[in-house]
Amino acid sequence: MLVILGISKVAGGKVRVRVRRPQHSASAAKDYGSEQKARSAILKLGIPENLVDLLFKLLPDVDEDAVLSFPPLEIPHDELTEEGLGMETKPRLIKQSQSEQF
């Protein structure tokens, strides 16, 4: 499943990992008690360590709740669910206006 994963810092030194599907309303988030726990969870999803290191290096310099996003990645839905980041997999229907219809 193509997803965009992001990280942000939240109150109490926690790190929030967010995941969303591009062009869908489906999303999920999970808070981790430390950077180390969040980093471990993200690495388990198969994201390259150098990319994880880069974003976590930037995290202390951004405002709370500002999201640092990884590039879009293909991550199996069952792996996201296993990590507590599962989300709806049905596509969202978008109603077209008459001018957009063929």
PDB file of N, CA and C in Angstrom:
ATOM      1  N   MET A   1       0.846  -1.158   0.000  1.00  0.00           N
ATOM      2  CA  MET A   1       0.000   0.000   0.000  1.00  0.00           C
ATOM      3  C   MET A   1       0.902   1.235   0.000  1.00  0.00           C
ATOM      4  N   LEU A   2       0.621   2.172  -0.857  1.00  0.00           N
ATOM      5  CA  LEU A   2       1.391   3.406  -0.932  1.00  0.00           C
ATOM      6  C   LEU A   2       0.943   4.329   0.203  1.00  0.00           C
ATOM      7  N   VAL A   3       1.890   4.746   1.041  1.00  0.00           N
ATOM      8  CA  VAL A   3       1.579   5.610   2.167  1.00  0.00           C
ATOM      9  C   VAL A   3       2.642   6.690   2.317  1.00  0.00           C
ATOM     10  N   ILE A   4       2.263   7.738   3.026  1.00  0.00           N
ATOM     11  CA  ILE A   4       3.207   8.776   3.420  1.00  0.00           C
ATOM     12  C   ILE A   4       3.279   8.720   4.939  1.00  0.00           C
ATOM     13  N   LEU A   5       4.471   8.507   5.432  1.00  0.00           N
ATOM     14  CA  LEU A   5       4.723   8.388   6.856  1.00  0.00           C
ATOM     15  C   LEU A   5       5.345   9.684   7.331  1.00  0.00           C
ATOM     16  N   GLY A   6       4.921  10.165   8.483  1.00  0.00           N
ATOM     17  CA  GLY A   6       5.481  11.392   9.032  1.00  0.00           C
ATOM     18  C   GLY A   6       5.724  11.255  10.522  1.00  0.00           C
ATOM     19  N   ILE A   7       6.604  12.087  11.050  1.00  0.00           N
ATOM     20  CA  ILE A   7       6.875  12.106  12.482  1.00  0.00           C
ATOM     21  C   ILE A   7       6.729  13.532  12.997  1.00  0.00           C
ATOM     22  N   SER A   8       6.314  13.630  14.254  1.00  0.00           N
ATOM     23  CA  SER A   8       6.237  14.935  14.905  1.00  0.00           C
ATOM     24  C   SER A   8       6.464  14.734  16.390  1.00  0.00           C
ATOM     25  N   LYS A   9       6.911  15.788  17.051  1.00  0.00           N
ATOM     26  CA  LYS A   9       7.066  15.684  18.497  1.00  0.00           C
ATOM     27  C   LYS A   9       5.791  16.207  19.141  1.00  0.00           C
ATOM     28  N   VAL A  10       5.430  15.576  20.245  1.00  0.00           N
ATOM     29  CA  VAL A  10       4.241  15.974  20.995  1.00  0.00           C
ATOM     30  C   VAL A  10       4.648  16.187  22.454  1.00  0.00           C
ATOM     31  N   ALA A  11       3.759  16.739  23.237  1.00  0.00           N
ATOM     32  CA  ALA A  11       4.046  17.068  24.636  1.00  0.00           C
ATOM     33  C   ALA A  11       4.580  15.862  25.405  1.00  0.00           C
ATOM     34  N   GLY A  12       5.445  16.128  26.339  1.00  0.00           N
ATOM     35  CA  GLY A  12       5.976  15.079  27.199  1.00  0.00           C
ATOM     36  C   GLY A  12       7.116  14.284  26.600  1.00  0.00           C
ATOM     37  N   GLY A  13       7.738  14.821  25.548  1.00  0.00           N
ATOM     38  CA  GLY A  13       8.875  14.128  24.941  1.00  0.00           C
ATOM     39  C   GLY A  13       8.495  12.950  24.073  1.00  0.00           C
ATOM     40  N   LYS A  14       7.215  12.823  23.770  1.00  0.00           N
ATOM     41  CA  LYS A  14       6.754  11.724  22.921  1.00  0.00           C
ATOM     42  C   LYS A  14       6.946  12.066  21.450  1.00  0.00           C
ATOM     43  N   VAL A  15       6.915  11.030  20.623  1.00  0.00           N
ATOM     44  CA  VAL A  15       6.999  11.201  19.175  1.00  0.00           C
ATOM     45  C   VAL A  15       5.762  10.555  18.568  1.00  0.00           C
ATOM     46  N   ARG A  16       5.083  11.289  17.705  1.00  0.00           N
ATOM     47  CA  ARG A  16       3.901  10.758  17.015  1.00  0.00           C
ATOM     48  C   ARG A  16       4.310  10.326  15.613  1.00  0.00           C
ATOM     49  N   VAL A  17       3.953   9.101  15.271  1.00  0.00           N
ATOM     50  CA  VAL A  17       4.155   8.590  13.919  1.00  0.00           C
ATOM     51  C   VAL A  17       2.789   8.616  13.252  1.00  0.00           C
ATOM     52  N   ARG A  18       2.741   9.265  12.110  1.00  0.00           N
ATOM     53  CA  ARG A  18       1.484   9.398  11.362  1.00  0.00           C
ATOM     54  C   ARG A  18       1.644   8.694  10.020  1.00  0.00           C
ATOM     55  N   VAL A  19       0.568   8.133   9.547  1.00  0.00           N
ATOM     56  CA  VAL A  19       0.581   7.496   8.239  1.00  0.00           C
ATOM     57  C   VAL A  19      -0.717   7.864   7.529  1.00  0.00           C
ATOM     58  N   ARG A  20      -0.603   8.156   6.248  1.00  0.00           N
ATOM     59  CA  ARG A  20      -1.806   8.478   5.459  1.00  0.00           C
ATOM     60  C   ARG A  20      -1.610   7.982   4.039  1.00  0.00           C
ATOM     61  N   ARG A  21      -2.710   7.748   3.395  1.00  0.00           N
ATOM     62  CA  ARG A  21      -2.670   7.331   2.001  1.00  0.00           C
ATOM     63  C   ARG A  21      -2.834   8.564   1.129  1.00  0.00           C
ATOM     64  N   PRO A  22      -1.957   8.729   0.131  1.00  0.00           N
ATOM     65  CA  PRO A  22      -2.112   9.885  -0.764  1.00  0.00           C
ATOM     66  C   PRO A  22      -3.464   9.831  -1.486  1.00  0.00           C
ATOM     67  N   GLN A  23      -4.103  10.946  -1.595  1.00  0.00           N
ATOM     68  CA  GLN A  23      -5.371  11.091  -2.307  1.00  0.00           C
ATOM     69  C   GLN A  23      -6.487  10.250  -1.698  1.00  0.00           C
ATOM     70  N   HIS A  24      -6.397   9.953  -0.413  1.00  0.00           N
ATOM     71  CA  HIS A  24      -7.433   9.248   0.325  1.00  0.00           C
ATOM     72  C   HIS A  24      -7.631   9.974   1.655  1.00  0.00           C
ATOM     73  N   SER A  25      -8.730   9.675   2.298  1.00  0.00           N
ATOM     74  CA  SER A  25      -8.950  10.260   3.611  1.00  0.00           C
ATOM     75  C   SER A  25      -8.418   9.355   4.715  1.00  0.00           C
ATOM     76  N   ALA A  26      -7.972   8.148   4.372  1.00  0.00           N
ATOM     77  CA  ALA A  26      -7.505   7.200   5.377  1.00  0.00           C
ATOM     78  C   ALA A  26      -6.205   7.674   6.016  1.00  0.00           C
ATOM     79  N   SER A  27      -6.170   7.621   7.345  1.00  0.00           N
ATOM     80  CA  SER A  27      -4.952   7.990   8.073  1.00  0.00           C
ATOM     81  C   SER A  27      -4.974   7.321   9.444  1.00  0.00           C
ATOM     82  N   ALA A  28      -3.820   7.284  10.073  1.00  0.00           N
ATOM     83  CA  ALA A  28      -3.694   6.737  11.422  1.00  0.00           C
ATOM     84  C   ALA A  28      -2.496   7.400  12.084  1.00  0.00           C
ATOM     85  N   ALA A  29      -2.458   7.341  13.415  1.00  0.00           N
ATOM     86  CA  ALA A  29      -1.331   7.902  14.160  1.00  0.00           C
ATOM     87  C   ALA A  29      -1.150   7.103  15.441  1.00  0.00           C
ATOM     88  N   LYS A  30       0.086   7.080  15.909  1.00  0.00           N
ATOM     89  CA  LYS A  30       0.402   6.412  17.162  1.00  0.00           C
ATOM     90  C   LYS A  30       1.509   7.189  17.858  1.00  0.00           C
ATOM     91  N   ASP A  31       1.347   7.393  19.165  1.00  0.00           N
ATOM     92  CA  ASP A  31       2.362   8.082  19.960  1.00  0.00           C
ATOM     93  C   ASP A  31       3.293   7.055  20.595  1.00  0.00           C
ATOM     94  N   TYR A  32       4.575   7.366  20.582  1.00  0.00           N
ATOM     95  CA  TYR A  32       5.601   6.526  21.197  1.00  0.00           C
ATOM     96  C   TYR A  32       6.235   7.320  22.328  1.00  0.00           C
ATOM     97  N   GLY A  33       6.582   6.641  23.404  1.00  0.00           N
ATOM     98  CA  GLY A  33       7.114   7.279  24.594  1.00  0.00           C
ATOM     99  C   GLY A  33       8.486   7.902  24.446  1.00  0.00           C
ATOM    100  N   SER A  34       9.210   7.530  23.394  1.00  0.00           N
ATOM    101  CA  SER A  34      10.549   8.083  23.186  1.00  0.00           C
ATOM    102  C   SER A  34      10.908   8.046  21.707  1.00  0.00           C
ATOM    103  N   GLU A  35      11.941   8.818  21.357  1.00  0.00           N
ATOM    104  CA  GLU A  35      12.438   8.795  19.979  1.00  0.00           C
ATOM    105  C   GLU A  35      12.928   7.405  19.615  1.00  0.00           C
ATOM    106  N   GLN A  36      13.580   6.746  20.555  1.00  0.00           N
ATOM    107  CA  GLN A  36      14.138   5.419  20.287  1.00  0.00           C
ATOM    108  C   GLN A  36      13.043   4.408  19.938  1.00  0.00           C
ATOM    109  N   LYS A  37      11.916   4.448  20.645  1.00  0.00           N
ATOM    110  CA  LYS A  37      10.806   3.529  20.357  1.00  0.00           C
ATOM    111  C   LYS A  37      10.183   3.841  18.997  1.00  0.00           C
ATOM    112  N   ALA A  38      10.019   5.123  18.686  1.00  0.00           N
ATOM    113  CA  ALA A  38       9.449   5.518  17.393  1.00  0.00           C
ATOM    114  C   ALA A  38      10.393   5.127  16.258  1.00  0.00           C
ATOM    115  N   ARG A  39      11.673   5.377  16.445  1.00  0.00           N
ATOM    116  CA  ARG A  39      12.682   5.031  15.437  1.00  0.00           C
ATOM    117  C   ARG A  39      12.673   3.522  15.170  1.00  0.00           C
ATOM    118  N   SER A  40      12.598   2.733  16.226  1.00  0.00           N
ATOM    119  CA  SER A  40      12.576   1.277  16.094  1.00  0.00           C
ATOM    120  C   SER A  40      11.352   0.812  15.301  1.00  0.00           C
ATOM    121  N   ALA A  41      10.205   1.399  15.605  1.00  0.00           N
ATOM    122  CA  ALA A  41       8.968   1.036  14.899  1.00  0.00           C
ATOM    123  C   ALA A  41       9.065   1.377  13.410  1.00  0.00           C
ATOM    124  N   ILE A  42       9.622   2.531  13.099  1.00  0.00           N
ATOM    125  CA  ILE A  42       9.741   2.953  11.703  1.00  0.00           C
ATOM    126  C   ILE A  42      10.724   2.057  10.950  1.00  0.00           C
ATOM    127  N   LEU A  43      11.825   1.712  11.592  1.00  0.00           N
ATOM    128  CA  LEU A  43      12.796   0.818  10.946  1.00  0.00           C
ATOM    129  C   LEU A  43      12.186  -0.556  10.677  1.00  0.00           C
ATOM    130  N   LYS A  44      11.310  -1.027  11.580  1.00  0.00           N
ATOM    131  CA  LYS A  44      10.635  -2.320  11.374  1.00  0.00           C
ATOM    132  C   LYS A  44       9.762  -2.306  10.122  1.00  0.00           C
ATOM    133  N   LEU A  45       9.310  -1.116   9.723  1.00  0.00           N
ATOM    134  CA  LEU A  45       8.468  -0.989   8.535  1.00  0.00           C
ATOM    135  C   LEU A  45       9.287  -0.987   7.246  1.00  0.00           C
ATOM    136  N   GLY A  46      10.607  -1.064   7.386  1.00  0.00           N
ATOM    137  CA  GLY A  46      11.462  -1.175   6.212  1.00  0.00           C
ATOM    138  C   GLY A  46      11.977   0.136   5.636  1.00  0.00           C
ATOM    139  N   ILE A  47      11.864   1.196   6.375  1.00  0.00           N
ATOM    140  CA  ILE A  47      12.348   2.485   5.892  1.00  0.00           C
ATOM    141  C   ILE A  47      13.864   2.529   6.083  1.00  0.00           C
ATOM    142  N   PRO A  48      14.600   2.971   5.067  1.00  0.00           N
ATOM    143  CA  PRO A  48      16.062   2.984   5.156  1.00  0.00           C
ATOM    144  C   PRO A  48      16.575   3.772   6.358  1.00  0.00           C
ATOM    145  N   GLU A  49      17.555   3.204   7.036  1.00  0.00           N
ATOM    146  CA  GLU A  49      18.086   3.794   8.261  1.00  0.00           C
ATOM    147  C   GLU A  49      18.638   5.204   8.048  1.00  0.00           C
ATOM    148  N   ASN A  50      19.289   5.451   6.912  1.00  0.00           N
ATOM    149  CA  ASN A  50      19.854   6.789   6.679  1.00  0.00           C
ATOM    150  C   ASN A  50      18.753   7.847   6.575  1.00  0.00           C
ATOM    151  N   LEU A  51      17.613   7.487   6.025  1.00  0.00           N
ATOM    152  CA  LEU A  51      16.492   8.415   5.920  1.00  0.00           C
ATOM    153  C   LEU A  51      15.870   8.653   7.299  1.00  0.00           C
ATOM    154  N   VAL A  52      15.732   7.588   8.074  1.00  0.00           N
ATOM    155  CA  VAL A  52      15.205   7.709   9.436  1.00  0.00           C
ATOM    156  C   VAL A  52      16.130   8.614  10.265  1.00  0.00           C
ATOM    157  N   ASP A  53      17.435   8.379  10.156  1.00  0.00           N
ATOM    158  CA  ASP A  53      18.405   9.197  10.894  1.00  0.00           C
ATOM    159  C   ASP A  53      18.287  10.675  10.528  1.00  0.00           C
ATOM    160  N   LEU A  54      18.127  10.957   9.251  1.00  0.00           N
ATOM    161  CA  LEU A  54      18.031  12.336   8.790  1.00  0.00           C
ATOM    162  C   LEU A  54      16.829  13.051   9.407  1.00  0.00           C
ATOM    163  N   LEU A  55      15.648  12.426   9.341  1.00  0.00           N
ATOM    164  CA  LEU A  55      14.458  13.094   9.869  1.00  0.00           C
ATOM    165  C   LEU A  55      14.502  13.222  11.389  1.00  0.00           C
ATOM    166  N   PHE A  56      15.023  12.205  12.072  1.00  0.00           N
ATOM    167  CA  PHE A  56      15.121  12.311  13.530  1.00  0.00           C
ATOM    168  C   PHE A  56      16.169  13.343  13.947  1.00  0.00           C
ATOM    169  N   LYS A  57      17.144  13.585  13.109  1.00  0.00           N
ATOM    170  CA  LYS A  57      18.144  14.623  13.385  1.00  0.00           C
ATOM    171  C   LYS A  57      17.490  16.017  13.300  1.00  0.00           C
ATOM    172  N   LEU A  58      16.525  16.162  12.392  1.00  0.00           N
ATOM    173  CA  LEU A  58      15.829  17.438  12.219  1.00  0.00           C
ATOM    174  C   LEU A  58      14.724  17.672  13.251  1.00  0.00           C
ATOM    175  N   LEU A  59      14.209  16.592  13.826  1.00  0.00           N
ATOM    176  CA  LEU A  59      13.046  16.680  14.715  1.00  0.00           C
ATOM    177  C   LEU A  59      13.201  17.672  15.875  1.00  0.00           C
ATOM    178  N   PRO A  60      14.344  17.731  16.563  1.00  0.00           N
ATOM    179  CA  PRO A  60      14.459  18.685  17.677  1.00  0.00           C
ATOM    180  C   PRO A  60      14.336  20.150  17.246  1.00  0.00           C
ATOM    181  N   ASP A  61      14.568  20.437  15.968  1.00  0.00           N
ATOM    182  CA  ASP A  61      14.562  21.820  15.490  1.00  0.00           C
ATOM    183  C   ASP A  61      13.203  22.315  14.998  1.00  0.00           C
ATOM    184  N   VAL A  62      12.208  21.443  14.962  1.00  0.00           N
ATOM    185  CA  VAL A  62      10.895  21.863  14.459  1.00  0.00           C
ATOM    186  C   VAL A  62       9.932  22.083  15.620  1.00  0.00           C
ATOM    187  N   ASP A  63       8.901  22.864  15.370  1.00  0.00           N
ATOM    188  CA  ASP A  63       7.882  23.134  16.386  1.00  0.00           C
ATOM    189  C   ASP A  63       7.097  21.869  16.704  1.00  0.00           C
ATOM    190  N   GLU A  64       6.539  21.852  17.898  1.00  0.00           N
ATOM    191  CA  GLU A  64       5.695  20.738  18.297  1.00  0.00           C
ATOM    192  C   GLU A  64       4.522  20.628  17.318  1.00  0.00           C
ATOM    193  N   ASP A  65       4.185  19.434  16.940  1.00  0.00           N
ATOM    194  CA  ASP A  65       3.110  19.097  16.002  1.00  0.00           C
ATOM    195  C   ASP A  65       3.430  19.412  14.536  1.00  0.00           C
ATOM    196  N   ALA A  66       4.604  20.001  14.240  1.00  0.00           N
ATOM    197  CA  ALA A  66       5.021  20.136  12.840  1.00  0.00           C
ATOM    198  C   ALA A  66       5.418  18.734  12.365  1.00  0.00           C
ATOM    199  N   VAL A  67       4.973  18.356  11.188  1.00  0.00           N
ATOM    200  CA  VAL A  67       5.202  16.990  10.700  1.00  0.00           C
ATOM    201  C   VAL A  67       6.346  16.963   9.696  1.00  0.00           C
ATOM    202  N   LEU A  68       7.312  16.082   9.952  1.00  0.00           N
ATOM    203  CA  LEU A  68       8.386  15.812   8.997  1.00  0.00           C
ATOM    204  C   LEU A  68       7.994  14.546   8.257  1.00  0.00           C
ATOM    205  N   SER A  69       7.871  14.629   6.941  1.00  0.00           N
ATOM    206  CA  SER A  69       7.371  13.495   6.166  1.00  0.00           C
ATOM    207  C   SER A  69       8.465  12.787   5.386  1.00  0.00           C
ATOM    208  N   PHE A  70       8.345  11.470   5.357  1.00  0.00           N
ATOM    209  CA  PHE A  70       9.184  10.639   4.505  1.00  0.00           C
ATOM    210  C   PHE A  70       8.587  10.677   3.102  1.00  0.00           C
ATOM    211  N   PRO A  71       9.364  10.365   2.078  1.00  0.00           N
ATOM    212  CA  PRO A  71       8.778  10.280   0.739  1.00  0.00           C
ATOM    213  C   PRO A  71       7.741   9.144   0.708  1.00  0.00           C
ATOM    214  N   PRO A  72       6.813   9.169  -0.251  1.00  0.00           N
ATOM    215  CA  PRO A  72       5.838   8.078  -0.336  1.00  0.00           C
ATOM    216  C   PRO A  72       6.544   6.719  -0.435  1.00  0.00           C
ATOM    217  N   LEU A  73       6.018   5.763   0.327  1.00  0.00           N
ATOM    218  CA  LEU A  73       6.618   4.437   0.401  1.00  0.00           C
ATOM    219  C   LEU A  73       5.561   3.354   0.260  1.00  0.00           C
ATOM    220  N   GLU A  74       5.966   2.231  -0.250  1.00  0.00           N
ATOM    221  CA  GLU A  74       5.092   1.067  -0.349  1.00  0.00           C
ATOM    222  C   GLU A  74       5.323   0.216   0.900  1.00  0.00           C
ATOM    223  N   ILE A  75       4.312   0.157   1.778  1.00  0.00           N
ATOM    224  CA  ILE A  75       4.400  -0.628   3.009  1.00  0.00           C
ATOM    225  C   ILE A  75       3.153  -1.506   3.079  1.00  0.00           C
ATOM    226  N   PRO A  76       3.323  -2.822   3.242  1.00  0.00           N
ATOM    227  CA  PRO A  76       2.153  -3.711   3.318  1.00  0.00           C
ATOM    228  C   PRO A  76       1.209  -3.323   4.461  1.00  0.00           C
ATOM    229  N   HIS A  77      -0.087  -3.398   4.193  1.00  0.00           N
ATOM    230  CA  HIS A  77      -1.099  -3.017   5.176  1.00  0.00           C
ATOM    231  C   HIS A  77      -0.968  -3.825   6.464  1.00  0.00           C
ATOM    232  N   ASP A  78      -0.658  -5.116   6.345  1.00  0.00           N
ATOM    233  CA  ASP A  78      -0.561  -5.943   7.550  1.00  0.00           C
ATOM    234  C   ASP A  78       0.599  -5.500   8.449  1.00  0.00           C
ATOM    235  N   GLU A  79       1.678  -4.997   7.866  1.00  0.00           N
ATOM    236  CA  GLU A  79       2.797  -4.492   8.669  1.00  0.00           C
ATOM    237  C   GLU A  79       2.398  -3.212   9.410  1.00  0.00           C
ATOM    238  N   LEU A  80       1.640  -2.345   8.737  1.00  0.00           N
ATOM    239  CA  LEU A  80       1.157  -1.130   9.393  1.00  0.00           C
ATOM    240  C   LEU A  80       0.211  -1.490  10.538  1.00  0.00           C
ATOM    241  N   THR A  81      -0.675  -2.433  10.296  1.00  0.00           N
ATOM    242  CA  THR A  81      -1.635  -2.853  11.317  1.00  0.00           C
ATOM    243  C   THR A  81      -0.911  -3.471  12.505  1.00  0.00           C
ATOM    244  N   GLU A  82       0.086  -4.281  12.233  1.00  0.00           N
ATOM    245  CA  GLU A  82       0.880  -4.917  13.289  1.00  0.00           C
ATOM    246  C   GLU A  82       1.537  -3.880  14.198  1.00  0.00           C
ATOM    247  N   GLU A  83       1.893  -2.746  13.633  1.00  0.00           N
ATOM    248  CA  GLU A  83       2.545  -1.686  14.394  1.00  0.00           C
ATOM    249  C   GLU A  83       1.528  -0.717  15.001  1.00  0.00           C
ATOM    250  N   GLY A  84       0.231  -1.001  14.846  1.00  0.00           N
ATOM    251  CA  GLY A  84      -0.798  -0.133  15.403  1.00  0.00           C
ATOM    252  C   GLY A  84      -1.124   1.057  14.531  1.00  0.00           C
ATOM    253  N   LEU A  85      -0.770   0.963  13.234  1.00  0.00           N
ATOM    254  CA  LEU A  85      -1.008   2.060  12.293  1.00  0.00           C
ATOM    255  C   LEU A  85      -1.924   1.644  11.157  1.00  0.00           C
ATOM    256  N   GLY A  86      -2.780   0.683  11.409  1.00  0.00           N
ATOM    257  CA  GLY A  86      -3.709   0.219  10.380  1.00  0.00           C
ATOM    258  C   GLY A  86      -4.742   1.276  10.058  1.00  0.00           C
ATOM    259  N   MET A  87      -5.230   1.225   8.838  1.00  0.00           N
ATOM    260  CA  MET A  87      -6.261   2.183   8.424  1.00  0.00           C
ATOM    261  C   MET A  87      -7.152   1.544   7.384  1.00  0.00           C
ATOM    262  N   GLU A  88      -8.243   2.207   7.100  1.00  0.00           N
ATOM    263  CA  GLU A  88      -9.205   1.725   6.118  1.00  0.00           C
ATOM    264  C   GLU A  88      -8.527   1.584   4.758  1.00  0.00           C
ATOM    265  N   THR A  89      -8.819   0.492   4.057  1.00  0.00           N
ATOM    266  CA  THR A  89      -8.188   0.277   2.755  1.00  0.00           C
ATOM    267  C   THR A  89      -9.137   0.508   1.592  1.00  0.00           C
ATOM    268  N   LYS A  90     -10.405   0.770   1.866  1.00  0.00           N
ATOM    269  CA  LYS A  90     -11.358   1.022   0.780  1.00  0.00           C
ATOM    270  C   LYS A  90     -11.116   2.410   0.197  1.00  0.00           C
ATOM    271  N   PRO A  91     -11.165   2.544  -1.117  1.00  0.00           N
ATOM    272  CA  PRO A  91     -10.970   3.870  -1.718  1.00  0.00           C
ATOM    273  C   PRO A  91     -12.138   4.792  -1.399  1.00  0.00           C
ATOM    274  N   ARG A  92     -11.840   6.049  -1.257  1.00  0.00           N
ATOM    275  CA  ARG A  92     -12.868   7.047  -1.016  1.00  0.00           C
ATOM    276  C   ARG A  92     -13.491   7.437  -2.345  1.00  0.00           C
ATOM    277  N   LEU A  93     -14.791   7.446  -2.410  1.00  0.00           N
ATOM    278  CA  LEU A  93     -15.467   7.857  -3.633  1.00  0.00           C
ATOM    279  C   LEU A  93     -15.562   9.375  -3.667  1.00  0.00           C
ATOM    280  N   ILE A  94     -15.164   9.930  -4.775  1.00  0.00           N
ATOM    281  CA  ILE A  94     -15.211  11.372  -4.944  1.00  0.00           C
ATOM    282  C   ILE A  94     -16.268  11.681  -5.991  1.00  0.00           C
ATOM    283  N   LYS A  95     -17.247  12.455  -5.601  1.00  0.00           N
ATOM    284  CA  LYS A  95     -18.313  12.813  -6.521  1.00  0.00           C
ATOM    285  C   LYS A  95     -17.820  13.916  -7.455  1.00  0.00           C
ATOM    286  N   GLN A  96     -17.947  13.669  -8.741  1.00  0.00           N
ATOM    287  CA  GLN A  96     -17.505  14.654  -9.720  1.00  0.00           C
ATOM    288  C   GLN A  96     -18.637  15.621 -10.028  1.00  0.00           C
ATOM    289  N   SER A  97     -18.274  16.859 -10.288  1.00  0.00           N
ATOM    290  CA  SER A  97     -19.272  17.808 -10.719  1.00  0.00           C
ATOM    291  C   SER A  97     -19.586  17.528 -12.174  1.00  0.00           C
ATOM    292  N   GLN A  98     -20.664  18.048 -12.665  1.00  0.00           N
ATOM    293  CA  GLN A  98     -21.060  17.785 -14.048  1.00  0.00           C
ATOM    294  C   GLN A  98     -20.000  18.273 -15.032  1.00  0.00           C
ATOM    295  N   SER A  99     -19.300  19.347 -14.706  1.00  0.00           N
ATOM    296  CA  SER A  99     -18.292  19.873 -15.618  1.00  0.00           C
ATOM    297  C   SER A  99     -17.068  18.959 -15.712  1.00  0.00           C
ATOM    298  N   GLU A 100     -16.841  18.098 -14.696  1.00  0.00           N
ATOM    299  CA  GLU A 100     -15.698  17.193 -14.691  1.00  0.00           C
ATOM    300  C   GLU A 100     -16.013  15.855 -15.344  1.00  0.00           C
ATOM    301  N   GLN A 101     -17.288  15.562 -15.549  1.00  0.00           N
ATOM    302  CA  GLN A 101     -17.660  14.270 -16.111  1.00  0.00           C
ATOM    303  C   GLN A 101     -17.380  14.244 -17.604  1.00  0.00           C
ATOM    304  N   PHE A 102     -17.139  13.059 -18.126  1.00  0.00           N
ATOM    305  CA  PHE A 102     -16.845  12.917 -19.549  1.00  0.00           C
ATOM    306  C   PHE A 102     -18.072  12.921 -20.393  1.00  0.00           C
TER     307      PHE A 102
END
